[in-house]
Amino acid sequence: MTVIRTERLILRPAAESDVDGMHAILSDPRAMAYWSSLPHSSVETTRKWLAAMIATRPEEGEDFIIEHDGRAIGKAGFHRFPAIGYVLHPACWGQGFAQEALRPVIERGFTRHLLARIVADVDPRNEGSLKLLRRLGFAEAGYREKSWYIGGEWLDSVDMALEARDWAAAT
């Protein structure tokens, strides 16, 4: 099991014991405002979500719980290669944690998993996430209208992409 340590964070595989910490995030409407599902209405929903994360086979993806000061503050990784995703508790926004977590995940995607390209599907209203991905070297690769139907509303997507050669040139 891979564990990544950064200056302030530990990125580690998910465990069943993460259910309460992740439920605090995934049930928060602010954290889920731009996610591909509604906020989790029950711990059981989060338990199923976490079980799917744990069950991801190594050849399919690599997802990490983001831990800070001994508690789960989010997740970052590849639920399915080459798509990267992340979510943090709103109390942790604006502190550089997402960028700090994503850098080594992206690096592993290119060097360990030999991905040629990493992609992200972003709600165009999520300006913070778009800015973060651009800082990491992602560029807009497309725009899709009505790509998600969530909570009775059609939502669009900005497709972001980062090529391995661009990452290598920048790092």
Protein backbone atom coordinates (compact mmCIF):
# COMPACT_ATOMS: atom_id res chain seq x y z
CA MET A 1 0.00 0.00 0.00
CA THR A 2 1.41 3.33 -1.08
CA VAL A 3 1.60 6.17 1.43
CA ILE A 4 2.73 9.62 0.28
CA ARG A 5 4.03 12.18 2.75
CA THR A 6 4.22 15.86 1.89
CA GLU A 7 5.25 18.78 4.04
CA ARG A 8 1.88 18.87 5.84
CA LEU A 9 -0.13 15.93 4.55
CA ILE A 10 -0.30 12.16 4.46
CA LEU A 11 -1.96 10.60 1.42
CA ARG A 12 -2.89 7.02 2.18
CA PRO A 13 -5.25 4.29 1.04
CA ALA A 14 -8.81 4.53 2.31
CA ALA A 15 -9.97 2.38 5.21
CA GLU A 16 -13.43 1.55 6.52
CA SER A 17 -12.60 3.64 9.58
CA ASP A 18 -12.60 6.76 7.34
CA VAL A 19 -16.38 6.68 7.00
CA ASP A 20 -17.16 9.35 9.62
CA GLY A 21 -14.46 11.74 8.44
CA MET A 22 -15.47 11.37 4.82
CA HIS A 23 -19.16 11.65 5.66
CA ALA A 24 -18.47 15.02 7.29
CA ILE A 25 -17.13 16.14 3.90
CA LEU A 26 -19.47 14.34 1.51
CA SER A 27 -22.60 15.41 3.39
CA ASP A 28 -21.57 19.08 3.34
CA PRO A 29 -23.43 21.01 0.61
CA ARG A 30 -20.47 23.37 0.17
CA ALA A 31 -18.04 20.52 -0.51
CA MET A 32 -20.50 18.83 -2.86
CA ALA A 33 -21.71 21.93 -4.73
CA TYR A 34 -19.74 20.95 -7.86
CA TRP A 35 -19.48 17.19 -7.33
CA SER A 36 -21.04 14.54 -9.54
CA SER A 37 -23.68 13.67 -6.95
CA LEU A 38 -25.80 15.35 -4.31
CA PRO A 39 -24.49 15.63 -0.74
CA HIS A 40 -24.68 12.27 1.04
CA SER A 41 -27.84 12.11 3.10
CA SER A 42 -26.73 9.15 5.23
CA VAL A 43 -23.61 7.54 6.60
CA GLU A 44 -24.63 4.41 4.69
CA THR A 45 -24.31 6.31 1.40
CA THR A 46 -20.80 7.35 2.39
CA ARG A 47 -20.01 3.80 3.51
CA LYS A 48 -20.93 2.50 0.02
CA TRP A 49 -18.93 5.29 -1.65
CA LEU A 50 -15.92 4.46 0.53
CA ALA A 51 -16.27 0.72 -0.16
CA ALA A 52 -16.13 1.46 -3.90
CA MET A 53 -13.01 3.56 -3.36
CA ILE A 54 -11.37 0.75 -1.37
CA ALA A 55 -12.37 -1.85 -3.98
CA THR A 56 -10.74 -0.03 -6.89
CA ARG A 57 -8.23 -2.41 -8.47
CA PRO A 58 -4.66 -1.10 -8.88
CA GLU A 59 -4.83 -1.37 -12.67
CA GLU A 60 -8.03 0.74 -12.69
CA GLY A 61 -7.12 3.61 -10.40
CA GLU A 62 -5.34 4.89 -7.32
CA ASP A 63 -7.18 7.05 -4.84
CA PHE A 64 -5.95 8.48 -1.54
CA ILE A 65 -7.43 9.81 1.66
CA ILE A 66 -5.84 13.16 2.48
CA GLU A 67 -4.91 13.34 6.14
CA HIS A 68 -3.80 16.42 8.06
CA ASP A 69 -2.93 16.45 11.74
CA GLY A 70 -4.29 12.91 12.12
CA ARG A 71 -7.71 13.43 10.55
CA ALA A 72 -9.17 12.85 7.10
CA ILE A 73 -9.74 16.18 5.33
CA GLY A 74 -10.52 14.87 1.85
CA LYS A 75 -9.57 12.61 -1.01
CA ALA A 76 -7.43 12.97 -4.13
CA GLY A 77 -6.55 10.55 -6.86
CA PHE A 78 -7.72 8.51 -9.77
CA HIS A 79 -11.00 6.68 -9.23
CA ARG A 80 -10.48 5.45 -12.79
CA PHE A 81 -7.36 6.23 -14.80
CA PRO A 82 -6.74 8.78 -16.30
CA ALA A 83 -9.44 10.89 -14.58
CA ILE A 84 -8.26 12.75 -11.49
CA GLY A 85 -10.62 13.97 -8.79
CA TYR A 86 -10.46 15.55 -5.39
CA VAL A 87 -12.63 16.95 -2.63
CA LEU A 88 -11.66 18.66 0.62
CA HIS A 89 -13.59 19.71 3.67
CA PRO A 90 -14.52 23.40 3.26
CA ALA A 91 -12.70 24.26 6.50
CA CYS A 92 -9.50 23.27 4.64
CA TRP A 93 -10.05 25.38 1.53
CA GLY A 94 -7.66 28.22 0.74
CA GLN A 95 -4.70 26.70 2.58
CA GLY A 96 -2.93 25.05 -0.37
CA PHE A 97 -3.85 21.51 0.69
CA ALA A 98 -5.41 20.54 -2.66
CA GLN A 99 -2.34 21.60 -4.62
CA GLU A 100 -0.03 19.95 -2.10
CA ALA A 101 -1.97 16.69 -2.42
CA LEU A 102 -2.38 16.78 -6.19
CA ARG A 103 1.26 17.36 -7.11
CA PRO A 104 2.52 13.94 -5.96
CA VAL A 105 -0.63 12.21 -7.23
CA ILE A 106 -0.06 13.71 -10.69
CA GLU A 107 3.62 12.79 -10.54
CA ARG A 108 2.70 9.16 -9.72
CA GLY A 109 0.17 9.14 -12.53
CA PHE A 110 2.88 9.97 -15.03
CA THR A 111 5.90 8.14 -13.57
CA ARG A 112 4.41 5.07 -11.84
CA HIS A 113 1.30 4.47 -13.94
CA LEU A 114 2.81 5.81 -17.17
CA LEU A 115 -0.23 7.85 -18.10
CA ALA A 116 0.22 9.93 -21.24
CA ARG A 117 -2.51 12.34 -20.16
CA ILE A 118 -4.49 13.14 -17.02
CA VAL A 119 -8.00 14.54 -17.35
CA ALA A 120 -10.44 16.30 -15.05
CA ASP A 121 -14.15 17.00 -15.48
CA VAL A 122 -14.94 20.34 -13.80
CA ASP A 123 -18.20 22.20 -13.29
CA PRO A 124 -17.63 25.56 -15.04
CA ARG A 125 -19.00 27.38 -11.97
CA ASN A 126 -16.16 25.93 -9.87
CA GLU A 127 -13.71 28.78 -10.44
CA GLY A 128 -11.41 27.69 -7.59
CA SER A 129 -10.90 24.24 -9.04
CA LEU A 130 -10.34 25.59 -12.54
CA LYS A 131 -7.70 28.02 -11.22
CA LEU A 132 -5.98 25.24 -9.26
CA LEU A 133 -5.83 22.92 -12.26
CA ARG A 134 -4.45 25.70 -14.46
CA ARG A 135 -1.73 26.41 -11.86
CA LEU A 136 -0.83 22.72 -12.05
CA GLY A 137 -0.49 22.93 -15.84
CA PHE A 138 -3.88 21.67 -16.99
CA ALA A 139 -5.42 23.29 -20.06
CA GLU A 140 -9.00 23.35 -21.27
CA ALA A 141 -9.57 20.48 -23.70
CA GLY A 142 -13.30 20.87 -24.28
CA TYR A 143 -16.66 21.98 -23.02
CA ARG A 144 -19.73 19.76 -22.75
CA GLU A 145 -23.25 21.05 -22.22
CA LYS A 146 -25.68 19.04 -20.13
CA SER A 147 -23.10 16.41 -19.19
CA TRP A 148 -24.45 15.71 -15.69
CA TYR A 149 -28.02 15.52 -14.40
CA ILE A 150 -27.86 16.11 -10.66
CA GLY A 151 -30.68 17.04 -8.33
CA GLY A 152 -33.09 17.74 -11.18
CA GLU A 153 -30.69 20.08 -12.96
CA TRP A 154 -28.55 19.67 -16.09
CA LEU A 155 -24.96 20.77 -15.54
CA ASP A 156 -22.15 21.46 -17.98
CA SER A 157 -18.53 20.31 -17.81
CA VAL A 158 -15.20 21.85 -18.65
CA ASP A 159 -12.80 19.11 -19.71
CA MET A 160 -9.29 19.84 -18.46
CA ALA A 161 -6.20 17.89 -19.51
CA LEU A 162 -2.52 17.71 -18.62
CA GLU A 163 -0.11 15.96 -20.97
CA ALA A 164 2.85 14.03 -19.52
CA ARG A 165 5.30 15.91 -21.74
CA ASP A 166 3.99 19.27 -20.46
CA TRP A 167 4.28 18.12 -16.83
CA ALA A 168 7.84 16.88 -17.42
CA ALA A 169 8.84 20.16 -19.07
CA ALA A 170 7.44 22.21 -16.19
CA THR A 171 8.89 20.16 -13.31
